[in-house]
Amino acid sequence: MQGKILEKHVTELCLEEFLSYGPQREPGKVGKSLLRRTKDGRVLSWKVEDDDSLCTLQEAFEKVDSRLGFNIELKFVDHAVYQQEELTHALEAVLKVVHKHANCRPIIFSTFQPDAAPLLRKLQSAHPVFFLTNGGTETFDDVRRNSLDEAIKLCLEGGLQGIVSEVRGVFGTPSTVSRIKESNLSLLTYGQLNNVPEAVYMQHLMGIDGVIVDLVDEITAAVSDLTKPASAHEGGESLSGSLEQRQRPNFSQQELSFLLKLIPELVQH
């Protein structure tokens, strides 16, 4: 309505209404305005540097190079209580598209919803399922979302393949990395610190399996410079004719702990 904000969850929209928001595919057609709500409750206009029309998961499968893997995050409303039938209905709708259109594309599933993650694993076994967690950087009513220890427990009980944690949660409790590895779980991270090359390199040293970043090209190039092989000669060959590998720094646990505390402090200044 004019002058009023209409707030709906995406799951409450039919496909036609969903596609009517934002930039439109037809030349000259103006879509409905998009707004976003910040964590502090403010409602702001949707403004980004580059924008495009909304698309469906099927279209993403059809138009994105099949060599690129997808991390399909299943989003649900924080603090809402879901019945298993609701979760099953939402997950099966996604799985139907995946089974029909994914072909051989590498895929992982991830979700913050602690009941949806193990349920998704029960509904399919073709693709890994990761549990998303803030790693203790925020507090939720559901204790399963409040620490990496709880995330490990959920993964082991639900037969999940790994954890995706806010990177500050990992830096705050670095000892959990070894416990995650000992549990045969993979560990990925996300967060603003992952746009800092030194923070990503530190995770490389810690044995973390991967990072989710905004500045993909920049971070890839920067970390490659830190980890690429070094040679004794300009031509890249050592005297023995083989490439010399740059030695990985050998930090003690005390030194590593100090660096883990130092990196976030440096980033703030």
C-alpha atoms as a PDB file:
ATOM      1  CA  MET A   1       0.000   0.000   0.000  1.00  0.00           C
ATOM      2  CA  GLN A   2       1.108   3.590  -0.653  1.00  0.00           C
ATOM      3  CA  GLY A   3       3.293   4.875   2.187  1.00  0.00           C
ATOM      4  CA  LYS A   4       3.225   1.568   4.061  1.00  0.00           C
ATOM      5  CA  ILE A   5       5.791  -1.206   4.197  1.00  0.00           C
ATOM      6  CA  LEU A   6       4.519  -4.679   3.386  1.00  0.00           C
ATOM      7  CA  GLU A   7       6.741  -7.307   4.980  1.00  0.00           C
ATOM      8  CA  LYS A   8       6.592 -10.922   3.829  1.00  0.00           C
ATOM      9  CA  HIS A   9       8.800 -13.963   4.002  1.00  0.00           C
ATOM     10  CA  VAL A  10       9.937 -15.270   0.628  1.00  0.00           C
ATOM     11  CA  THR A  11       8.151 -18.542   1.353  1.00  0.00           C
ATOM     12  CA  GLU A  12       4.859 -16.629   1.519  1.00  0.00           C
ATOM     13  CA  LEU A  13       5.178 -15.427  -2.082  1.00  0.00           C
ATOM     14  CA  CYS A  14       4.100 -17.249  -5.205  1.00  0.00           C
ATOM     15  CA  LEU A  15       6.721 -17.382  -7.974  1.00  0.00           C
ATOM     16  CA  GLU A  16       5.096 -14.631 -10.034  1.00  0.00           C
ATOM     17  CA  GLU A  17       5.034 -12.237  -7.079  1.00  0.00           C
ATOM     18  CA  PHE A  18       8.615 -13.106  -6.123  1.00  0.00           C
ATOM     19  CA  LEU A  19       9.874 -12.275  -9.620  1.00  0.00           C
ATOM     20  CA  SER A  20       7.951  -8.974  -9.644  1.00  0.00           C
ATOM     21  CA  TYR A  21      10.372  -7.370  -7.153  1.00  0.00           C
ATOM     22  CA  GLY A  22      13.516  -5.485  -8.125  1.00  0.00           C
ATOM     23  CA  PRO A  23      14.949  -5.079 -11.652  1.00  0.00           C
ATOM     24  CA  GLN A  24      12.823  -6.707 -14.339  1.00  0.00           C
ATOM     25  CA  ARG A  25      13.876  -8.696 -17.386  1.00  0.00           C
ATOM     26  CA  GLU A  26      11.505  -6.955 -19.792  1.00  0.00           C
ATOM     27  CA  PRO A  27      12.886  -3.604 -21.060  1.00  0.00           C
ATOM     28  CA  GLY A  28      10.999  -0.645 -19.628  1.00  0.00           C
ATOM     29  CA  LYS A  29       9.189  -2.662 -16.975  1.00  0.00           C
ATOM     30  CA  VAL A  30       9.601  -1.345 -13.436  1.00  0.00           C
ATOM     31  CA  GLY A  31       9.587  -3.821 -10.582  1.00  0.00           C
ATOM     32  CA  LYS A  32       8.299  -3.390  -7.062  1.00  0.00           C
ATOM     33  CA  SER A  33      10.703  -1.680  -4.673  1.00  0.00           C
ATOM     34  CA  LEU A  34      12.926  -3.845  -2.508  1.00  0.00           C
ATOM     35  CA  LEU A  35      13.796  -2.874   1.060  1.00  0.00           C
ATOM     36  CA  ARG A  36      15.997  -4.503   3.650  1.00  0.00           C
ATOM     37  CA  ARG A  37      15.814  -4.556   7.431  1.00  0.00           C
ATOM     38  CA  THR A  38      19.059  -4.179   9.360  1.00  0.00           C
ATOM     39  CA  LYS A  39      19.844  -6.042  12.572  1.00  0.00           C
ATOM     40  CA  ASP A  40      19.031  -2.936  14.600  1.00  0.00           C
ATOM     41  CA  GLY A  41      15.545  -2.758  13.062  1.00  0.00           C
ATOM     42  CA  ARG A  42      16.046   0.025  10.521  1.00  0.00           C
ATOM     43  CA  VAL A  43      14.414  -0.343   7.101  1.00  0.00           C
ATOM     44  CA  LEU A  44      16.609   0.832   4.221  1.00  0.00           C
ATOM     45  CA  SER A  45      16.332   0.947   0.449  1.00  0.00           C
ATOM     46  CA  TRP A  46      17.938  -1.928  -1.417  1.00  0.00           C
ATOM     47  CA  LYS A  47      21.054  -0.371  -2.965  1.00  0.00           C
ATOM     48  CA  VAL A  48      23.939  -2.323  -4.474  1.00  0.00           C
ATOM     49  CA  GLU A  49      26.675  -1.551  -7.007  1.00  0.00           C
ATOM     50  CA  ASP A  50      25.473  -4.145  -9.506  1.00  0.00           C
ATOM     51  CA  ASP A  51      21.985  -5.599  -9.578  1.00  0.00           C
ATOM     52  CA  ASP A  52      19.965  -7.948 -11.745  1.00  0.00           C
ATOM     53  CA  SER A  53      16.551  -9.520 -11.837  1.00  0.00           C
ATOM     54  CA  LEU A  54      15.712 -12.283  -9.392  1.00  0.00           C
ATOM     55  CA  CYS A  55      16.012 -15.837 -10.653  1.00  0.00           C
ATOM     56  CA  THR A  56      15.036 -19.342  -9.633  1.00  0.00           C
ATOM     57  CA  LEU A  57      17.334 -22.136  -8.484  1.00  0.00           C
ATOM     58  CA  GLN A  58      16.586 -23.974 -11.725  1.00  0.00           C
ATOM     59  CA  GLU A  59      17.754 -20.987 -13.769  1.00  0.00           C
ATOM     60  CA  ALA A  60      20.952 -20.799 -11.727  1.00  0.00           C
ATOM     61  CA  PHE A  61      21.661 -24.441 -12.511  1.00  0.00           C
ATOM     62  CA  GLU A  62      20.981 -23.875 -16.207  1.00  0.00           C
ATOM     63  CA  LYS A  63      22.947 -20.643 -16.686  1.00  0.00           C
ATOM     64  CA  VAL A  64      25.969 -20.909 -14.374  1.00  0.00           C
ATOM     65  CA  ASP A  65      29.026 -22.813 -15.612  1.00  0.00           C
ATOM     66  CA  SER A  66      28.566 -26.396 -14.426  1.00  0.00           C
ATOM     67  CA  ARG A  67      32.191 -26.521 -13.235  1.00  0.00           C
ATOM     68  CA  LEU A  68      31.316 -24.060 -10.464  1.00  0.00           C
ATOM     69  CA  GLY A  69      30.076 -25.636  -7.269  1.00  0.00           C
ATOM     70  CA  PHE A  70      27.031 -24.399  -5.348  1.00  0.00           C
ATOM     71  CA  ASN A  71      26.707 -23.881  -1.611  1.00  0.00           C
ATOM     72  CA  ILE A  72      22.922 -24.010  -1.266  1.00  0.00           C
ATOM     73  CA  GLU A  73      21.980 -22.366   2.030  1.00  0.00           C
ATOM     74  CA  LEU A  74      18.542 -23.290   3.345  1.00  0.00           C
ATOM     75  CA  LYS A  75      17.269 -20.198   5.151  1.00  0.00           C
ATOM     76  CA  PHE A  76      14.647 -20.203   7.880  1.00  0.00           C
ATOM     77  CA  VAL A  77      13.387 -17.513  10.254  1.00  0.00           C
ATOM     78  CA  ASP A  78      15.492 -17.039  13.398  1.00  0.00           C
ATOM     79  CA  HIS A  79      13.656 -17.752  16.663  1.00  0.00           C
ATOM     80  CA  ALA A  80      10.718 -19.375  14.829  1.00  0.00           C
ATOM     81  CA  VAL A  81       9.631 -22.851  15.912  1.00  0.00           C
ATOM     82  CA  TYR A  82       9.086 -25.192  12.971  1.00  0.00           C
ATOM     83  CA  GLN A  83       7.216 -28.459  12.878  1.00  0.00           C
ATOM     84  CA  GLN A  84       8.959 -31.285  11.046  1.00  0.00           C
ATOM     85  CA  GLU A  85       6.275 -31.265   8.335  1.00  0.00           C
ATOM     86  CA  GLU A  86       7.055 -27.608   7.558  1.00  0.00           C
ATOM     87  CA  LEU A  87      10.764 -28.286   7.310  1.00  0.00           C
ATOM     88  CA  THR A  88      10.221 -31.378   5.182  1.00  0.00           C
ATOM     89  CA  HIS A  89       7.972 -29.480   2.772  1.00  0.00           C
ATOM     90  CA  ALA A  90      10.549 -26.701   2.310  1.00  0.00           C
ATOM     91  CA  LEU A  91      13.504 -29.053   1.932  1.00  0.00           C
ATOM     92  CA  GLU A  92      11.789 -31.402  -0.499  1.00  0.00           C
ATOM     93  CA  ALA A  93      10.894 -28.469  -2.768  1.00  0.00           C
ATOM     94  CA  VAL A  94      14.592 -27.604  -3.039  1.00  0.00           C
ATOM     95  CA  LEU A  95      15.701 -31.220  -3.410  1.00  0.00           C
ATOM     96  CA  LYS A  96      13.273 -31.747  -6.280  1.00  0.00           C
ATOM     97  CA  VAL A  97      15.023 -29.023  -8.293  1.00  0.00           C
ATOM     98  CA  VAL A  98      18.481 -30.240  -7.292  1.00  0.00           C
ATOM     99  CA  HIS A  99      17.774 -33.831  -8.311  1.00  0.00           C
ATOM    100  CA  LYS A 100      16.410 -32.746 -11.676  1.00  0.00           C
ATOM    101  CA  HIS A 101      18.854 -30.012 -12.682  1.00  0.00           C
ATOM    102  CA  ALA A 102      22.123 -30.329 -10.716  1.00  0.00           C
ATOM    103  CA  ASN A 103      23.591 -33.039 -12.958  1.00  0.00           C
ATOM    104  CA  CYS A 104      27.279 -33.437 -11.981  1.00  0.00           C
ATOM    105  CA  ARG A 105      27.729 -30.002 -10.399  1.00  0.00           C
ATOM    106  CA  PRO A 106      29.526 -30.078  -7.013  1.00  0.00           C
ATOM    107  CA  ILE A 107      27.024 -29.120  -4.296  1.00  0.00           C
ATOM    108  CA  ILE A 108      26.975 -28.728  -0.541  1.00  0.00           C
ATOM    109  CA  PHE A 109      23.960 -27.814   1.578  1.00  0.00           C
ATOM    110  CA  SER A 110      24.174 -25.573   4.640  1.00  0.00           C
ATOM    111  CA  THR A 111      21.736 -24.133   7.155  1.00  0.00           C
ATOM    112  CA  PHE A 112      21.617 -22.387  10.539  1.00  0.00           C
ATOM    113  CA  GLN A 113      18.433 -24.309  11.410  1.00  0.00           C
ATOM    114  CA  PRO A 114      19.524 -27.116  13.782  1.00  0.00           C
ATOM    115  CA  ASP A 115      16.522 -29.343  13.027  1.00  0.00           C
ATOM    116  CA  ALA A 116      16.675 -28.825   9.269  1.00  0.00           C
ATOM    117  CA  ALA A 117      20.314 -29.911   8.958  1.00  0.00           C
ATOM    118  CA  PRO A 118      19.944 -33.532  10.170  1.00  0.00           C
ATOM    119  CA  LEU A 119      16.560 -33.798   8.434  1.00  0.00           C
ATOM    120  CA  LEU A 120      18.165 -32.785   5.151  1.00  0.00           C
ATOM    121  CA  ARG A 121      20.760 -35.505   5.662  1.00  0.00           C
ATOM    122  CA  LYS A 122      17.982 -38.062   6.136  1.00  0.00           C
ATOM    123  CA  LEU A 123      16.190 -36.902   2.982  1.00  0.00           C
ATOM    124  CA  GLN A 124      19.277 -37.255   0.770  1.00  0.00           C
ATOM    125  CA  SER A 125      22.811 -38.623   0.935  1.00  0.00           C
ATOM    126  CA  ALA A 126      24.223 -37.518  -2.433  1.00  0.00           C
ATOM    127  CA  HIS A 127      25.531 -34.144  -1.230  1.00  0.00           C
ATOM    128  CA  PRO A 128      27.305 -33.072   1.992  1.00  0.00           C
ATOM    129  CA  VAL A 129      25.345 -31.169   4.637  1.00  0.00           C
ATOM    130  CA  PHE A 130      27.061 -28.504   6.755  1.00  0.00           C
ATOM    131  CA  PHE A 131      25.734 -26.852   9.904  1.00  0.00           C
ATOM    132  CA  LEU A 132      26.088 -23.063   9.930  1.00  0.00           C
ATOM    133  CA  THR A 133      26.880 -21.449  13.263  1.00  0.00           C
ATOM    134  CA  ASN A 134      27.836 -18.057  14.656  1.00  0.00           C
ATOM    135  CA  GLY A 135      30.326 -19.939  16.802  1.00  0.00           C
ATOM    136  CA  GLY A 136      29.283 -18.189  19.998  1.00  0.00           C
ATOM    137  CA  THR A 137      29.513 -14.631  18.644  1.00  0.00           C
ATOM    138  CA  GLU A 138      25.731 -14.253  19.102  1.00  0.00           C
ATOM    139  CA  THR A 139      23.321 -15.848  21.556  1.00  0.00           C
ATOM    140  CA  PHE A 140      20.133 -17.655  20.557  1.00  0.00           C
ATOM    141  CA  ASP A 141      17.335 -19.353  22.456  1.00  0.00           C
ATOM    142  CA  ASP A 142      18.339 -22.685  20.915  1.00  0.00           C
ATOM    143  CA  VAL A 143      21.591 -23.682  22.656  1.00  0.00           C
ATOM    144  CA  ARG A 144      22.619 -25.753  19.633  1.00  0.00           C
ATOM    145  CA  ARG A 145      23.407 -22.490  17.851  1.00  0.00           C
ATOM    146  CA  ASN A 146      25.537 -20.954  20.579  1.00  0.00           C
ATOM    147  CA  SER A 147      28.955 -22.622  20.333  1.00  0.00           C
ATOM    148  CA  LEU A 148      31.261 -24.698  18.188  1.00  0.00           C
ATOM    149  CA  ASP A 149      31.082 -27.498  20.756  1.00  0.00           C
ATOM    150  CA  GLU A 150      27.312 -27.666  20.267  1.00  0.00           C
ATOM    151  CA  ALA A 151      27.847 -27.610  16.499  1.00  0.00           C
ATOM    152  CA  ILE A 152      30.211 -30.584  16.727  1.00  0.00           C
ATOM    153  CA  LYS A 153      27.668 -32.477  18.808  1.00  0.00           C
ATOM    154  CA  LEU A 154      24.860 -31.748  16.337  1.00  0.00           C
ATOM    155  CA  CYS A 155      26.977 -32.858  13.378  1.00  0.00           C
ATOM    156  CA  LEU A 156      27.982 -36.133  14.995  1.00  0.00           C
ATOM    157  CA  GLU A 157      24.444 -36.947  16.107  1.00  0.00           C
ATOM    158  CA  GLY A 158      22.940 -36.031  12.731  1.00  0.00           C
ATOM    159  CA  GLY A 159      25.560 -37.586  10.475  1.00  0.00           C
ATOM    160  CA  LEU A 160      26.540 -34.242   8.958  1.00  0.00           C
ATOM    161  CA  GLN A 161      29.748 -33.660   7.054  1.00  0.00           C
ATOM    162  CA  GLY A 162      30.966 -30.393   8.511  1.00  0.00           C
ATOM    163  CA  ILE A 163      30.602 -26.956  10.080  1.00  0.00           C
ATOM    164  CA  VAL A 164      30.567 -23.445   8.615  1.00  0.00           C
ATOM    165  CA  SER A 165      31.440 -21.028  11.428  1.00  0.00           C
ATOM    166  CA  GLU A 166      31.716 -17.273  11.798  1.00  0.00           C
ATOM    167  CA  VAL A 167      35.482 -16.850  11.697  1.00  0.00           C
ATOM    168  CA  ARG A 168      35.574 -14.886  14.974  1.00  0.00           C
ATOM    169  CA  GLY A 169      34.125 -17.936  16.686  1.00  0.00           C
ATOM    170  CA  VAL A 170      37.064 -20.008  15.472  1.00  0.00           C
ATOM    171  CA  PHE A 171      39.649 -17.382  16.411  1.00  0.00           C
ATOM    172  CA  GLY A 172      38.023 -17.085  19.842  1.00  0.00           C
ATOM    173  CA  THR A 173      38.221 -20.831  20.544  1.00  0.00           C
ATOM    174  CA  PRO A 174      41.081 -22.154  18.375  1.00  0.00           C
ATOM    175  CA  SER A 175      41.282 -25.442  20.281  1.00  0.00           C
ATOM    176  CA  THR A 176      37.971 -26.493  18.724  1.00  0.00           C
ATOM    177  CA  VAL A 177      39.660 -26.801  15.316  1.00  0.00           C
ATOM    178  CA  SER A 178      41.550 -29.917  16.408  1.00  0.00           C
ATOM    179  CA  ARG A 179      38.399 -31.392  17.961  1.00  0.00           C
ATOM    180  CA  ILE A 180      36.503 -30.812  14.721  1.00  0.00           C
ATOM    181  CA  LYS A 181      39.280 -32.535  12.773  1.00  0.00           C
ATOM    182  CA  GLU A 182      39.409 -35.422  15.245  1.00  0.00           C
ATOM    183  CA  SER A 183      35.664 -35.857  14.669  1.00  0.00           C
ATOM    184  CA  ASN A 184      36.295 -36.272  10.905  1.00  0.00           C
ATOM    185  CA  LEU A 185      34.332 -33.115  10.133  1.00  0.00           C
ATOM    186  CA  SER A 186      35.239 -30.428   7.603  1.00  0.00           C
ATOM    187  CA  LEU A 187      35.458 -26.801   8.737  1.00  0.00           C
ATOM    188  CA  LEU A 188      34.720 -23.708   6.663  1.00  0.00           C
ATOM    189  CA  THR A 189      34.370 -20.115   7.853  1.00  0.00           C
ATOM    190  CA  TYR A 190      32.578 -16.908   6.863  1.00  0.00           C
ATOM    191  CA  GLY A 191      32.634 -13.309   8.102  1.00  0.00           C
ATOM    192  CA  GLN A 192      34.169  -9.884   7.512  1.00  0.00           C
ATOM    193  CA  LEU A 193      37.597 -10.995   8.740  1.00  0.00           C
ATOM    194  CA  ASN A 194      37.769 -13.317   5.740  1.00  0.00           C
ATOM    195  CA  ASN A 195      38.293 -10.245   3.560  1.00  0.00           C
ATOM    196  CA  VAL A 196      41.657  -9.750   5.294  1.00  0.00           C
ATOM    197  CA  PRO A 197      44.420 -11.851   3.645  1.00  0.00           C
ATOM    198  CA  GLU A 198      46.396 -12.333   6.872  1.00  0.00           C
ATOM    199  CA  ALA A 199      43.317 -13.701   8.638  1.00  0.00           C
ATOM    200  CA  VAL A 200      42.720 -16.163   5.803  1.00  0.00           C
ATOM    201  CA  TYR A 201      46.370 -17.222   5.805  1.00  0.00           C
ATOM    202  CA  MET A 202      46.211 -17.841   9.544  1.00  0.00           C
ATOM    203  CA  GLN A 203      43.291 -20.183   8.924  1.00  0.00           C
ATOM    204  CA  HIS A 204      45.382 -21.968   6.298  1.00  0.00           C
ATOM    205  CA  LEU A 205      48.030 -22.552   8.965  1.00  0.00           C
ATOM    206  CA  MET A 206      45.373 -23.810  11.378  1.00  0.00           C
ATOM    207  CA  GLY A 207      44.203 -26.415   8.866  1.00  0.00           C
ATOM    208  CA  ILE A 208      40.785 -24.925   8.137  1.00  0.00           C
ATOM    209  CA  ASP A 209      39.400 -26.414   4.914  1.00  0.00           C
ATOM    210  CA  GLY A 210      37.968 -23.336   3.216  1.00  0.00           C
ATOM    211  CA  VAL A 211      36.717 -19.775   3.568  1.00  0.00           C
ATOM    212  CA  ILE A 212      33.703 -17.883   2.248  1.00  0.00           C
ATOM    213  CA  VAL A 213      34.747 -14.398   1.110  1.00  0.00           C
ATOM    214  CA  ASP A 214      33.282 -11.354  -0.636  1.00  0.00           C
ATOM    215  CA  LEU A 215      36.485 -10.281  -2.410  1.00  0.00           C
ATOM    216  CA  VAL A 216      37.154 -13.569  -4.180  1.00  0.00           C
ATOM    217  CA  ASP A 217      39.782 -12.429  -6.703  1.00  0.00           C
ATOM    218  CA  GLU A 218      41.633 -10.180  -4.263  1.00  0.00           C
ATOM    219  CA  ILE A 219      41.800 -12.729  -1.437  1.00  0.00           C
ATOM    220  CA  THR A 220      42.729 -15.571  -3.802  1.00  0.00           C
ATOM    221  CA  ALA A 221      45.614 -13.558  -5.233  1.00  0.00           C
ATOM    222  CA  ALA A 222      46.843 -12.368  -1.837  1.00  0.00           C
ATOM    223  CA  VAL A 223      46.787 -15.809  -0.221  1.00  0.00           C
ATOM    224  CA  SER A 224      48.398 -17.371  -3.305  1.00  0.00           C
ATOM    225  CA  ASP A 225      51.315 -14.974  -2.850  1.00  0.00           C
ATOM    226  CA  LEU A 226      51.679 -16.176   0.741  1.00  0.00           C
ATOM    227  CA  THR A 227      51.509 -19.888  -0.059  1.00  0.00           C
ATOM    228  CA  LYS A 228      52.993 -20.252  -3.562  1.00  0.00           C
ATOM    229  CA  PRO A 229      56.228 -22.219  -4.040  1.00  0.00           C
ATOM    230  CA  ALA A 230      59.521 -20.345  -3.804  1.00  0.00           C
ATOM    231  CA  SER A 231      62.543 -21.083  -5.996  1.00  0.00           C
ATOM    232  CA  ALA A 232      66.247 -20.546  -5.569  1.00  0.00           C
ATOM    233  CA  HIS A 233      66.614 -18.979  -9.014  1.00  0.00           C
ATOM    234  CA  GLU A 234      64.718 -16.501 -11.135  1.00  0.00           C
ATOM    235  CA  GLY A 235      63.677 -19.256 -13.517  1.00  0.00           C
ATOM    236  CA  GLY A 236      61.907 -21.126 -10.757  1.00  0.00           C
ATOM    237  CA  GLU A 237      64.269 -24.130 -10.687  1.00  0.00           C
ATOM    238  CA  SER A 238      66.493 -25.169  -7.821  1.00  0.00           C
ATOM    239  CA  LEU A 239      69.963 -26.647  -8.337  1.00  0.00           C
ATOM    240  CA  SER A 240      68.443 -30.119  -8.287  1.00  0.00           C
ATOM    241  CA  GLY A 241      66.012 -29.161 -11.035  1.00  0.00           C
ATOM    242  CA  SER A 242      62.945 -29.380  -8.802  1.00  0.00           C
ATOM    243  CA  LEU A 243      60.826 -26.593  -7.364  1.00  0.00           C
ATOM    244  CA  GLU A 244      61.692 -25.667  -3.810  1.00  0.00           C
ATOM    245  CA  GLN A 245      58.639 -25.384  -1.592  1.00  0.00           C
ATOM    246  CA  ARG A 246      58.438 -22.391   0.706  1.00  0.00           C
ATOM    247  CA  GLN A 247      58.648 -23.651   4.248  1.00  0.00           C
ATOM    248  CA  ARG A 248      55.450 -23.376   6.250  1.00  0.00           C
ATOM    249  CA  PRO A 249      56.100 -21.413   9.452  1.00  0.00           C
ATOM    250  CA  ASN A 250      56.368 -23.667  12.488  1.00  0.00           C
ATOM    251  CA  PHE A 251      54.513 -21.851  15.270  1.00  0.00           C
ATOM    252  CA  SER A 252      54.284 -23.179  18.796  1.00  0.00           C
ATOM    253  CA  GLN A 253      50.810 -23.417  20.295  1.00  0.00           C
ATOM    254  CA  GLN A 254      51.578 -20.389  22.466  1.00  0.00           C
ATOM    255  CA  GLU A 255      52.722 -18.345  19.456  1.00  0.00           C
ATOM    256  CA  LEU A 256      49.704 -19.417  17.429  1.00  0.00           C
ATOM    257  CA  SER A 257      47.360 -18.492  20.281  1.00  0.00           C
ATOM    258  CA  PHE A 258      48.980 -15.058  20.486  1.00  0.00           C
ATOM    259  CA  LEU A 259      48.563 -14.497  16.752  1.00  0.00           C
ATOM    260  CA  LEU A 260      44.935 -15.600  16.904  1.00  0.00           C
ATOM    261  CA  LYS A 261      44.264 -12.964  19.553  1.00  0.00           C
ATOM    262  CA  LEU A 262      46.265 -10.334  17.702  1.00  0.00           C
ATOM    263  CA  ILE A 263      44.682 -10.566  14.244  1.00  0.00           C
ATOM    264  CA  PRO A 264      41.164  -9.332  15.185  1.00  0.00           C
ATOM    265  CA  GLU A 265      42.718  -6.502  17.220  1.00  0.00           C
ATOM    266  CA  LEU A 266      44.828  -5.392  14.263  1.00  0.00           C
ATOM    267  CA  VAL A 267      41.841  -5.476  11.921  1.00  0.00           C
ATOM    268  CA  GLN A 268      39.905  -3.074  14.172  1.00  0.00           C
ATOM    269  CA  HIS A 269      42.603  -0.383  13.850  1.00  0.00           C
END
